[in-house]
Amino acid sequence: MTRLSTNARLNEALTRLLAGQATLTDGQLNVTNLCREAGVGRDSYYRSPPTFKSTFDAARTNQVGQRPELATLRQQTAEIKREHQRMTRERNDTLRALQETVQIYANQIQALALANAELHEHNRRLRQRLEDREPNVTRLADHR
């Protein structure tokens, strides 16, 4: 037998689920959601009075019979969630690929900048050697 406060919590949770105002679950009328909404363990439901259990079972049977569109909406919601997850995965894969490409380009730019600096220094040394060997050679302006 459950305590009165637990029974009250189960009744409040059942009322919220029937009104479509679930706060912690997807709103489906089942024992797991009822207990989660009430903040109690499943054992509390099984220890609840038989009248509550029969009320819950009747509400569940009545809800299924009266609202077939809920099943359709839940199915559509599940499909939308799956599609959202798929699109999120694709977006994340694309982002990872783009980040890898950016990193490759950054590495290549860094390597090219170093090679350019080396060539510039090598060119400077060659000009200096030329000036040291041939003092009467006139230096041309840089092409920049």
C-alpha atoms as a PDB file:
ATOM      1  CA  MET A   1       0.000   0.000   0.000  1.00  0.00           C
ATOM      2  CA  THR A   2       1.399   3.431  -0.890  1.00  0.00           C
ATOM      3  CA  ARG A   3       1.406   6.560   1.265  1.00  0.00           C
ATOM      4  CA  LEU A   4      -1.209   9.235   0.753  1.00  0.00           C
ATOM      5  CA  SER A   5       1.372  11.717  -0.549  1.00  0.00           C
ATOM      6  CA  THR A   6       2.560   9.179  -3.127  1.00  0.00           C
ATOM      7  CA  ASN A   7      -1.037   8.514  -4.188  1.00  0.00           C
ATOM      8  CA  ALA A   8      -1.584  12.254  -4.543  1.00  0.00           C
ATOM      9  CA  ARG A   9       1.538  12.596  -6.686  1.00  0.00           C
ATOM     10  CA  LEU A  10       0.399   9.709  -8.898  1.00  0.00           C
ATOM     11  CA  ASN A  11      -3.056  11.285  -9.290  1.00  0.00           C
ATOM     12  CA  GLU A  12      -1.531  14.685 -10.165  1.00  0.00           C
ATOM     13  CA  ALA A  13       0.782  13.054 -12.688  1.00  0.00           C
ATOM     14  CA  LEU A  14      -2.135  11.176 -14.248  1.00  0.00           C
ATOM     15  CA  THR A  15      -4.103  14.414 -14.494  1.00  0.00           C
ATOM     16  CA  ARG A  16      -1.161  16.164 -16.222  1.00  0.00           C
ATOM     17  CA  LEU A  17      -0.707  13.289 -18.667  1.00  0.00           C
ATOM     18  CA  LEU A  18      -4.408  13.193 -19.524  1.00  0.00           C
ATOM     19  CA  ALA A  19      -4.450  16.963 -20.012  1.00  0.00           C
ATOM     20  CA  GLY A  20      -1.459  16.764 -22.355  1.00  0.00           C
ATOM     21  CA  GLN A  21       0.668  18.864 -19.990  1.00  0.00           C
ATOM     22  CA  ALA A  22       3.528  16.470 -19.270  1.00  0.00           C
ATOM     23  CA  THR A  23       6.548  18.210 -17.781  1.00  0.00           C
ATOM     24  CA  LEU A  24       9.168  15.451 -17.685  1.00  0.00           C
ATOM     25  CA  THR A  25       8.147  12.978 -20.385  1.00  0.00           C
ATOM     26  CA  ASP A  26       6.908  12.773 -23.960  1.00  0.00           C
ATOM     27  CA  GLY A  27       3.306  12.663 -22.704  1.00  0.00           C
ATOM     28  CA  GLN A  28       2.503   9.073 -23.621  1.00  0.00           C
ATOM     29  CA  LEU A  29       0.184   7.454 -21.127  1.00  0.00           C
ATOM     30  CA  ASN A  30       2.171   4.518 -19.752  1.00  0.00           C
ATOM     31  CA  VAL A  31       3.411   3.378 -16.344  1.00  0.00           C
ATOM     32  CA  THR A  32       6.966   4.588 -16.910  1.00  0.00           C
ATOM     33  CA  ASN A  33       5.870   8.106 -17.822  1.00  0.00           C
ATOM     34  CA  LEU A  34       3.315   8.186 -15.009  1.00  0.00           C
ATOM     35  CA  CYS A  35       5.966   7.310 -12.435  1.00  0.00           C
ATOM     36  CA  ARG A  36       8.513   9.709 -13.936  1.00  0.00           C
ATOM     37  CA  GLU A  37       5.972  12.551 -13.916  1.00  0.00           C
ATOM     38  CA  ALA A  38       5.041  11.723 -10.305  1.00  0.00           C
ATOM     39  CA  GLY A  39       8.685  11.445  -9.257  1.00  0.00           C
ATOM     40  CA  VAL A  40       8.208   7.975  -7.792  1.00  0.00           C
ATOM     41  CA  GLY A  41       9.500   4.511  -8.579  1.00  0.00           C
ATOM     42  CA  ARG A  42       7.495   1.966 -10.532  1.00  0.00           C
ATOM     43  CA  ASP A  43       7.010  -0.032  -7.366  1.00  0.00           C
ATOM     44  CA  SER A  44       4.863   2.826  -6.028  1.00  0.00           C
ATOM     45  CA  TYR A  45       2.477   2.352  -8.942  1.00  0.00           C
ATOM     46  CA  TYR A  46       2.270  -1.393  -8.330  1.00  0.00           C
ATOM     47  CA  ARG A  47       1.602  -0.783  -4.617  1.00  0.00           C
ATOM     48  CA  SER A  48      -1.081   1.814  -5.370  1.00  0.00           C
ATOM     49  CA  PRO A  49      -4.735   1.009  -4.609  1.00  0.00           C
ATOM     50  CA  PRO A  50      -6.553  -1.190  -7.136  1.00  0.00           C
ATOM     51  CA  THR A  51      -8.995   1.640  -7.838  1.00  0.00           C
ATOM     52  CA  PHE A  52      -6.153   3.886  -9.031  1.00  0.00           C
ATOM     53  CA  LYS A  53      -4.744   1.137 -11.243  1.00  0.00           C
ATOM     54  CA  SER A  54      -8.127   0.489 -12.809  1.00  0.00           C
ATOM     55  CA  THR A  55      -8.636   4.222 -13.321  1.00  0.00           C
ATOM     56  CA  PHE A  56      -5.238   4.409 -15.010  1.00  0.00           C
ATOM     57  CA  ASP A  57      -5.974   1.379 -17.209  1.00  0.00           C
ATOM     58  CA  ALA A  58      -9.373   2.786 -18.180  1.00  0.00           C
ATOM     59  CA  ALA A  59      -7.832   6.163 -19.003  1.00  0.00           C
ATOM     60  CA  ARG A  60      -5.193   4.486 -21.141  1.00  0.00           C
ATOM     61  CA  THR A  61      -7.773   2.401 -22.989  1.00  0.00           C
ATOM     62  CA  ASN A  62     -10.058   5.413 -23.407  1.00  0.00           C
ATOM     63  CA  GLN A  63      -7.225   7.636 -24.661  1.00  0.00           C
ATOM     64  CA  VAL A  64      -6.118   5.136 -27.280  1.00  0.00           C
ATOM     65  CA  GLY A  65      -9.683   4.672 -28.516  1.00  0.00           C
ATOM     66  CA  GLN A  66     -10.517   8.371 -28.668  1.00  0.00           C
ATOM     67  CA  ARG A  67      -7.330   9.814 -30.086  1.00  0.00           C
ATOM     68  CA  PRO A  68      -5.909   7.817 -32.971  1.00  0.00           C
ATOM     69  CA  GLU A  69      -4.383  11.045 -34.297  1.00  0.00           C
ATOM     70  CA  LEU A  70      -2.021  11.057 -31.294  1.00  0.00           C
ATOM     71  CA  ALA A  71      -0.346   7.917 -32.572  1.00  0.00           C
ATOM     72  CA  THR A  72       0.095   9.557 -35.976  1.00  0.00           C
ATOM     73  CA  LEU A  73       1.482  12.723 -34.409  1.00  0.00           C
ATOM     74  CA  ARG A  74       3.866  10.743 -32.208  1.00  0.00           C
ATOM     75  CA  GLN A  75       5.053   8.806 -35.240  1.00  0.00           C
ATOM     76  CA  GLN A  76       5.585  12.023 -37.183  1.00  0.00           C
ATOM     77  CA  THR A  77       7.432  13.522 -34.212  1.00  0.00           C
ATOM     78  CA  ALA A  78       9.684  10.475 -33.999  1.00  0.00           C
ATOM     79  CA  GLU A  79      10.392  10.696 -37.747  1.00  0.00           C
ATOM     80  CA  ILE A  80      11.188  14.399 -37.453  1.00  0.00           C
ATOM     81  CA  LYS A  81      13.537  13.693 -34.546  1.00  0.00           C
ATOM     82  CA  ARG A  82      15.308  10.985 -36.546  1.00  0.00           C
ATOM     83  CA  GLU A  83      15.615  13.325 -39.530  1.00  0.00           C
ATOM     84  CA  HIS A  84      16.956  16.067 -37.261  1.00  0.00           C
ATOM     85  CA  GLN A  85      19.550  13.679 -35.829  1.00  0.00           C
ATOM     86  CA  ARG A  86      20.558  12.586 -39.336  1.00  0.00           C
ATOM     87  CA  MET A  87      20.891  16.186 -40.500  1.00  0.00           C
ATOM     88  CA  THR A  88      22.867  17.091 -37.374  1.00  0.00           C
ATOM     89  CA  ARG A  89      25.256  14.195 -38.025  1.00  0.00           C
ATOM     90  CA  GLU A  90      25.668  15.285 -41.658  1.00  0.00           C
ATOM     91  CA  ARG A  91      26.280  18.893 -40.612  1.00  0.00           C
ATOM     92  CA  ASN A  92      28.854  17.789 -38.031  1.00  0.00           C
ATOM     93  CA  ASP A  93      30.581  15.576 -40.596  1.00  0.00           C
ATOM     94  CA  THR A  94      30.690  18.489 -43.046  1.00  0.00           C
ATOM     95  CA  LEU A  95      32.062  20.824 -40.376  1.00  0.00           C
ATOM     96  CA  ARG A  96      34.777  18.320 -39.464  1.00  0.00           C
ATOM     97  CA  ALA A  97      35.745  17.934 -43.121  1.00  0.00           C
ATOM     98  CA  LEU A  98      35.870  21.709 -43.589  1.00  0.00           C
ATOM     99  CA  GLN A  99      37.952  22.160 -40.447  1.00  0.00           C
ATOM    100  CA  GLU A 100      40.383  19.520 -41.699  1.00  0.00           C
ATOM    101  CA  THR A 101      40.604  21.304 -45.065  1.00  0.00           C
ATOM    102  CA  VAL A 102      41.240  24.650 -43.364  1.00  0.00           C
ATOM    103  CA  GLN A 103      43.989  23.050 -41.266  1.00  0.00           C
ATOM    104  CA  ILE A 104      45.590  21.537 -44.380  1.00  0.00           C
ATOM    105  CA  TYR A 105      45.507  24.920 -46.131  1.00  0.00           C
ATOM    106  CA  ALA A 106      46.930  26.646 -43.060  1.00  0.00           C
ATOM    107  CA  ASN A 107      49.798  24.144 -42.945  1.00  0.00           C
ATOM    108  CA  GLN A 108      50.453  24.610 -46.661  1.00  0.00           C
ATOM    109  CA  ILE A 109      50.415  28.403 -46.324  1.00  0.00           C
ATOM    110  CA  GLN A 110      52.860  28.179 -43.442  1.00  0.00           C
ATOM    111  CA  ALA A 111      55.161  25.895 -45.434  1.00  0.00           C
ATOM    112  CA  LEU A 112      54.984  28.208 -48.470  1.00  0.00           C
ATOM    113  CA  ALA A 113      55.698  31.256 -46.306  1.00  0.00           C
ATOM    114  CA  LEU A 114      58.780  29.546 -44.874  1.00  0.00           C
ATOM    115  CA  ALA A 115      59.938  28.487 -48.334  1.00  0.00           C
ATOM    116  CA  ASN A 116      59.413  32.052 -49.594  1.00  0.00           C
ATOM    117  CA  ALA A 117      61.428  33.450 -46.685  1.00  0.00           C
ATOM    118  CA  GLU A 118      64.218  30.973 -47.420  1.00  0.00           C
ATOM    119  CA  LEU A 119      64.232  31.912 -51.112  1.00  0.00           C
ATOM    120  CA  HIS A 120      64.251  35.604 -50.233  1.00  0.00           C
ATOM    121  CA  GLU A 121      67.232  35.088 -47.920  1.00  0.00           C
ATOM    122  CA  HIS A 122      69.004  32.939 -50.520  1.00  0.00           C
ATOM    123  CA  ASN A 123      68.403  35.661 -53.155  1.00  0.00           C
ATOM    124  CA  ARG A 124      69.778  38.321 -50.768  1.00  0.00           C
ATOM    125  CA  ARG A 125      72.925  36.285 -50.174  1.00  0.00           C
ATOM    126  CA  LEU A 126      73.434  35.728 -53.914  1.00  0.00           C
ATOM    127  CA  ARG A 127      73.129  39.471 -54.609  1.00  0.00           C
ATOM    128  CA  GLN A 128      75.535  40.218 -51.815  1.00  0.00           C
ATOM    129  CA  ARG A 129      78.074  37.739 -53.224  1.00  0.00           C
ATOM    130  CA  LEU A 130      77.639  39.240 -56.690  1.00  0.00           C
ATOM    131  CA  GLU A 131      78.274  42.748 -55.354  1.00  0.00           C
ATOM    132  CA  ASP A 132      81.332  41.530 -53.425  1.00  0.00           C
ATOM    133  CA  ARG A 133      82.848  39.846 -56.523  1.00  0.00           C
ATOM    134  CA  GLU A 134      81.912  42.427 -59.134  1.00  0.00           C
ATOM    135  CA  PRO A 135      81.942  45.886 -57.555  1.00  0.00           C
ATOM    136  CA  ASN A 136      81.327  47.654 -60.891  1.00  0.00           C
ATOM    137  CA  VAL A 137      78.031  45.758 -61.554  1.00  0.00           C
ATOM    138  CA  THR A 138      75.005  48.016 -61.156  1.00  0.00           C
ATOM    139  CA  ARG A 139      72.204  46.585 -59.122  1.00  0.00           C
ATOM    140  CA  LEU A 140      68.720  46.543 -60.699  1.00  0.00           C
ATOM    141  CA  ALA A 141      65.643  47.631 -58.812  1.00  0.00           C
ATOM    142  CA  ASP A 142      63.588  44.906 -57.080  1.00  0.00           C
ATOM    143  CA  HIS A 143      60.490  43.706 -58.937  1.00  0.00           C
ATOM    144  CA  ARG A 144      57.721  44.033 -56.365  1.00  0.00           C
END
